[in-house]
N, C-alpha and C. Protein backbone atom coordinates (compact mmCIF):
# COMPACT_ATOMS: atom_id res chain seq x y z
N MET A 1 99.50 83.36 132.42
CA MET A 1 99.30 83.74 131.03
C MET A 1 99.98 82.69 130.15
N SER A 2 99.31 82.30 129.08
CA SER A 2 99.84 81.25 128.22
C SER A 2 101.00 81.78 127.38
N ALA A 3 101.82 80.85 126.90
CA ALA A 3 102.96 81.22 126.04
C ALA A 3 102.47 81.87 124.76
N GLU A 4 101.33 81.37 124.23
CA GLU A 4 100.78 81.95 123.00
C GLU A 4 100.34 83.40 123.21
N LYS A 5 99.71 83.68 124.34
CA LYS A 5 99.28 85.04 124.64
C LYS A 5 100.49 85.95 124.85
N ASN A 6 101.52 85.46 125.54
CA ASN A 6 102.74 86.24 125.71
C ASN A 6 103.38 86.55 124.37
N SER A 7 103.38 85.58 123.47
CA SER A 7 103.95 85.77 122.14
C SER A 7 103.18 86.84 121.37
N ALA A 8 101.85 86.84 121.47
CA ALA A 8 101.03 87.84 120.79
C ALA A 8 101.30 89.24 121.36
N ILE A 9 101.48 89.31 122.66
CA ILE A 9 101.77 90.60 123.31
C ILE A 9 103.14 91.09 122.87
N ASP A 10 104.12 90.20 122.82
CA ASP A 10 105.47 90.57 122.38
C ASP A 10 105.45 91.06 120.93
N LEU A 11 104.69 90.39 120.09
CA LEU A 11 104.58 90.77 118.69
C LEU A 11 103.94 92.15 118.56
N ARG A 12 102.90 92.40 119.32
CA ARG A 12 102.25 93.71 119.31
C ARG A 12 103.22 94.79 119.80
N SER A 13 103.99 94.49 120.83
CA SER A 13 104.97 95.45 121.35
C SER A 13 106.02 95.78 120.29
N GLU A 14 106.48 94.77 119.57
CA GLU A 14 107.47 94.98 118.51
C GLU A 14 106.86 95.82 117.39
N PHE A 15 105.62 95.53 117.01
CA PHE A 15 104.94 96.31 115.98
C PHE A 15 104.85 97.77 116.42
N ASN A 16 104.43 97.99 117.65
CA ASN A 16 104.29 99.36 118.17
C ASN A 16 105.63 100.10 118.23
N ARG A 17 106.70 99.38 118.49
CA ARG A 17 108.03 100.00 118.50
C ARG A 17 108.41 100.50 117.11
N LEU A 18 108.06 99.75 116.08
CA LEU A 18 108.36 100.16 114.70
C LEU A 18 107.42 101.27 114.23
N ASP A 19 106.17 101.24 114.67
CA ASP A 19 105.16 102.23 114.29
C ASP A 19 105.30 103.45 115.19
N TYR A 20 106.39 104.20 115.01
CA TYR A 20 106.66 105.26 115.97
C TYR A 20 105.73 106.45 115.87
N ASP A 21 104.98 106.63 114.77
CA ASP A 21 104.00 107.72 114.74
C ASP A 21 102.62 107.26 115.22
N LYS A 22 102.52 105.98 115.57
CA LYS A 22 101.33 105.39 116.18
C LYS A 22 100.05 105.57 115.35
N ASP A 23 100.20 105.45 114.00
CA ASP A 23 99.02 105.54 113.14
C ASP A 23 98.43 104.18 112.80
N GLY A 24 99.03 103.11 113.33
CA GLY A 24 98.51 101.77 113.09
C GLY A 24 99.14 101.07 111.90
N TYR A 25 100.14 101.71 111.27
CA TYR A 25 100.83 101.14 110.12
C TYR A 25 102.33 101.35 110.29
N ILE A 26 103.10 100.44 109.72
CA ILE A 26 104.54 100.64 109.64
C ILE A 26 104.84 101.00 108.20
N THR A 27 105.40 102.18 108.00
CA THR A 27 105.77 102.61 106.66
C THR A 27 107.21 102.16 106.37
N LEU A 28 107.58 102.22 105.11
CA LEU A 28 108.96 101.88 104.75
C LEU A 28 109.92 102.80 105.49
N LYS A 29 109.58 104.07 105.63
CA LYS A 29 110.46 105.01 106.35
C LYS A 29 110.65 104.58 107.80
N GLU A 30 109.56 104.21 108.48
CA GLU A 30 109.67 103.76 109.87
C GLU A 30 110.51 102.49 109.95
N PHE A 31 110.25 101.57 109.04
CA PHE A 31 110.96 100.29 109.00
C PHE A 31 112.44 100.53 108.75
N ARG A 32 112.73 101.41 107.79
CA ARG A 32 114.12 101.73 107.45
C ARG A 32 114.82 102.44 108.61
N ASP A 33 114.16 103.45 109.19
CA ASP A 33 114.75 104.19 110.30
C ASP A 33 115.12 103.25 111.45
N TYR A 34 114.22 102.36 111.78
CA TYR A 34 114.47 101.42 112.88
C TYR A 34 115.66 100.51 112.56
N HIS A 35 115.66 99.92 111.37
CA HIS A 35 116.68 98.94 111.04
C HIS A 35 118.03 99.57 110.69
N GLU A 36 118.05 100.80 110.23
CA GLU A 36 119.33 101.46 109.97
C GLU A 36 120.09 101.70 111.26
N ARG A 37 119.37 101.87 112.37
CA ARG A 37 120.04 102.02 113.66
C ARG A 37 120.76 100.74 114.07
N THR A 38 120.35 99.63 113.48
CA THR A 38 121.00 98.35 113.77
C THR A 38 122.02 97.98 112.70
N ASN A 39 122.35 98.96 111.84
CA ASN A 39 123.37 98.79 110.79
C ASN A 39 123.01 97.74 109.75
N LYS A 40 121.73 97.61 109.44
CA LYS A 40 121.31 96.69 108.38
C LYS A 40 121.51 97.36 107.03
N ASP A 41 121.76 96.56 106.02
CA ASP A 41 121.93 97.03 104.65
C ASP A 41 120.61 97.56 104.10
N GLY A 42 120.64 98.71 103.43
CA GLY A 42 119.44 99.34 102.90
C GLY A 42 118.66 98.47 101.94
N THR A 43 119.35 97.74 101.08
CA THR A 43 118.68 96.85 100.12
C THR A 43 117.97 95.73 100.85
N ALA A 44 118.62 95.18 101.85
CA ALA A 44 118.01 94.09 102.64
C ALA A 44 116.78 94.60 103.38
N ILE A 45 116.83 95.83 103.86
CA ILE A 45 115.70 96.42 104.57
C ILE A 45 114.50 96.54 103.64
N GLU A 46 114.73 97.07 102.45
CA GLU A 46 113.63 97.24 101.50
C GLU A 46 113.07 95.90 101.05
N LYS A 47 113.91 94.92 100.86
CA LYS A 47 113.45 93.58 100.48
C LYS A 47 112.59 92.97 101.59
N ALA A 48 113.06 93.08 102.82
CA ALA A 48 112.30 92.54 103.96
C ALA A 48 110.95 93.24 104.08
N PHE A 49 110.93 94.56 103.91
CA PHE A 49 109.68 95.30 103.99
C PHE A 49 108.71 94.83 102.91
N ALA A 50 109.20 94.66 101.69
CA ALA A 50 108.35 94.23 100.58
C ALA A 50 107.76 92.85 100.84
N GLU A 51 108.52 91.98 101.48
CA GLU A 51 108.01 90.64 101.80
C GLU A 51 106.91 90.69 102.85
N ILE A 52 107.00 91.63 103.78
CA ILE A 52 105.99 91.76 104.83
C ILE A 52 104.73 92.47 104.32
N ASP A 53 104.92 93.46 103.46
CA ASP A 53 103.82 94.27 102.92
C ASP A 53 103.07 93.47 101.84
N ALA A 54 102.22 92.56 102.28
CA ALA A 54 101.57 91.60 101.38
C ALA A 54 100.73 92.25 100.28
N ASP A 55 100.07 93.36 100.58
CA ASP A 55 99.22 93.98 99.56
C ASP A 55 99.93 95.11 98.79
N ASN A 56 101.21 95.28 99.07
CA ASN A 56 102.05 96.26 98.35
C ASN A 56 101.50 97.68 98.36
N ASP A 57 100.91 98.08 99.48
CA ASP A 57 100.38 99.45 99.56
C ASP A 57 101.34 100.42 100.23
N GLY A 58 102.54 99.93 100.57
CA GLY A 58 103.53 100.79 101.19
C GLY A 58 103.38 100.94 102.69
N MET A 59 102.44 100.18 103.27
CA MET A 59 102.21 100.21 104.71
C MET A 59 101.99 98.79 105.21
N VAL A 60 102.58 98.46 106.32
CA VAL A 60 102.41 97.14 106.92
C VAL A 60 101.41 97.25 108.06
N THR A 61 100.33 96.51 107.96
CA THR A 61 99.35 96.45 109.05
C THR A 61 99.83 95.44 110.08
N PHE A 62 99.20 95.46 111.25
CA PHE A 62 99.57 94.48 112.26
C PHE A 62 99.31 93.07 111.73
N GLU A 63 98.24 92.87 110.99
CA GLU A 63 97.91 91.55 110.46
C GLU A 63 99.00 91.05 109.52
N GLU A 64 99.50 91.92 108.64
CA GLU A 64 100.59 91.54 107.74
C GLU A 64 101.85 91.21 108.55
N PHE A 65 102.13 92.03 109.54
CA PHE A 65 103.28 91.86 110.41
C PHE A 65 103.20 90.51 111.12
N GLU A 66 102.04 90.22 111.66
CA GLU A 66 101.82 88.96 112.38
C GLU A 66 101.99 87.76 111.46
N ARG A 67 101.39 87.83 110.26
CA ARG A 67 101.52 86.73 109.29
C ARG A 67 102.99 86.49 108.92
N ALA A 68 103.74 87.56 108.71
CA ALA A 68 105.13 87.44 108.32
C ALA A 68 105.95 86.75 109.41
N TYR A 69 105.67 87.03 110.65
CA TYR A 69 106.45 86.46 111.73
C TYR A 69 105.98 85.08 112.15
N LYS A 70 104.84 84.64 111.63
CA LYS A 70 104.37 83.30 111.92
C LYS A 70 104.78 82.31 110.83
N ARG A 71 105.42 82.81 109.79
CA ARG A 71 105.89 81.91 108.70
C ARG A 71 106.99 81.03 109.16
């Protein structure tokens, strides 16, 4: 398996870990819940989410997630 394919699988796995209700979107609540367990600052969490949520609809799709991590 190529490194690029492994990277895509890893990215999908990370997305799925954040999308704990498995609806295909990461909400701010899911994003916050995940990152608060790692003791991240609430303001930093919301800022990071806003940067990933390109269309500002309050939900991060896999495509938005992928674009953010390829920057």
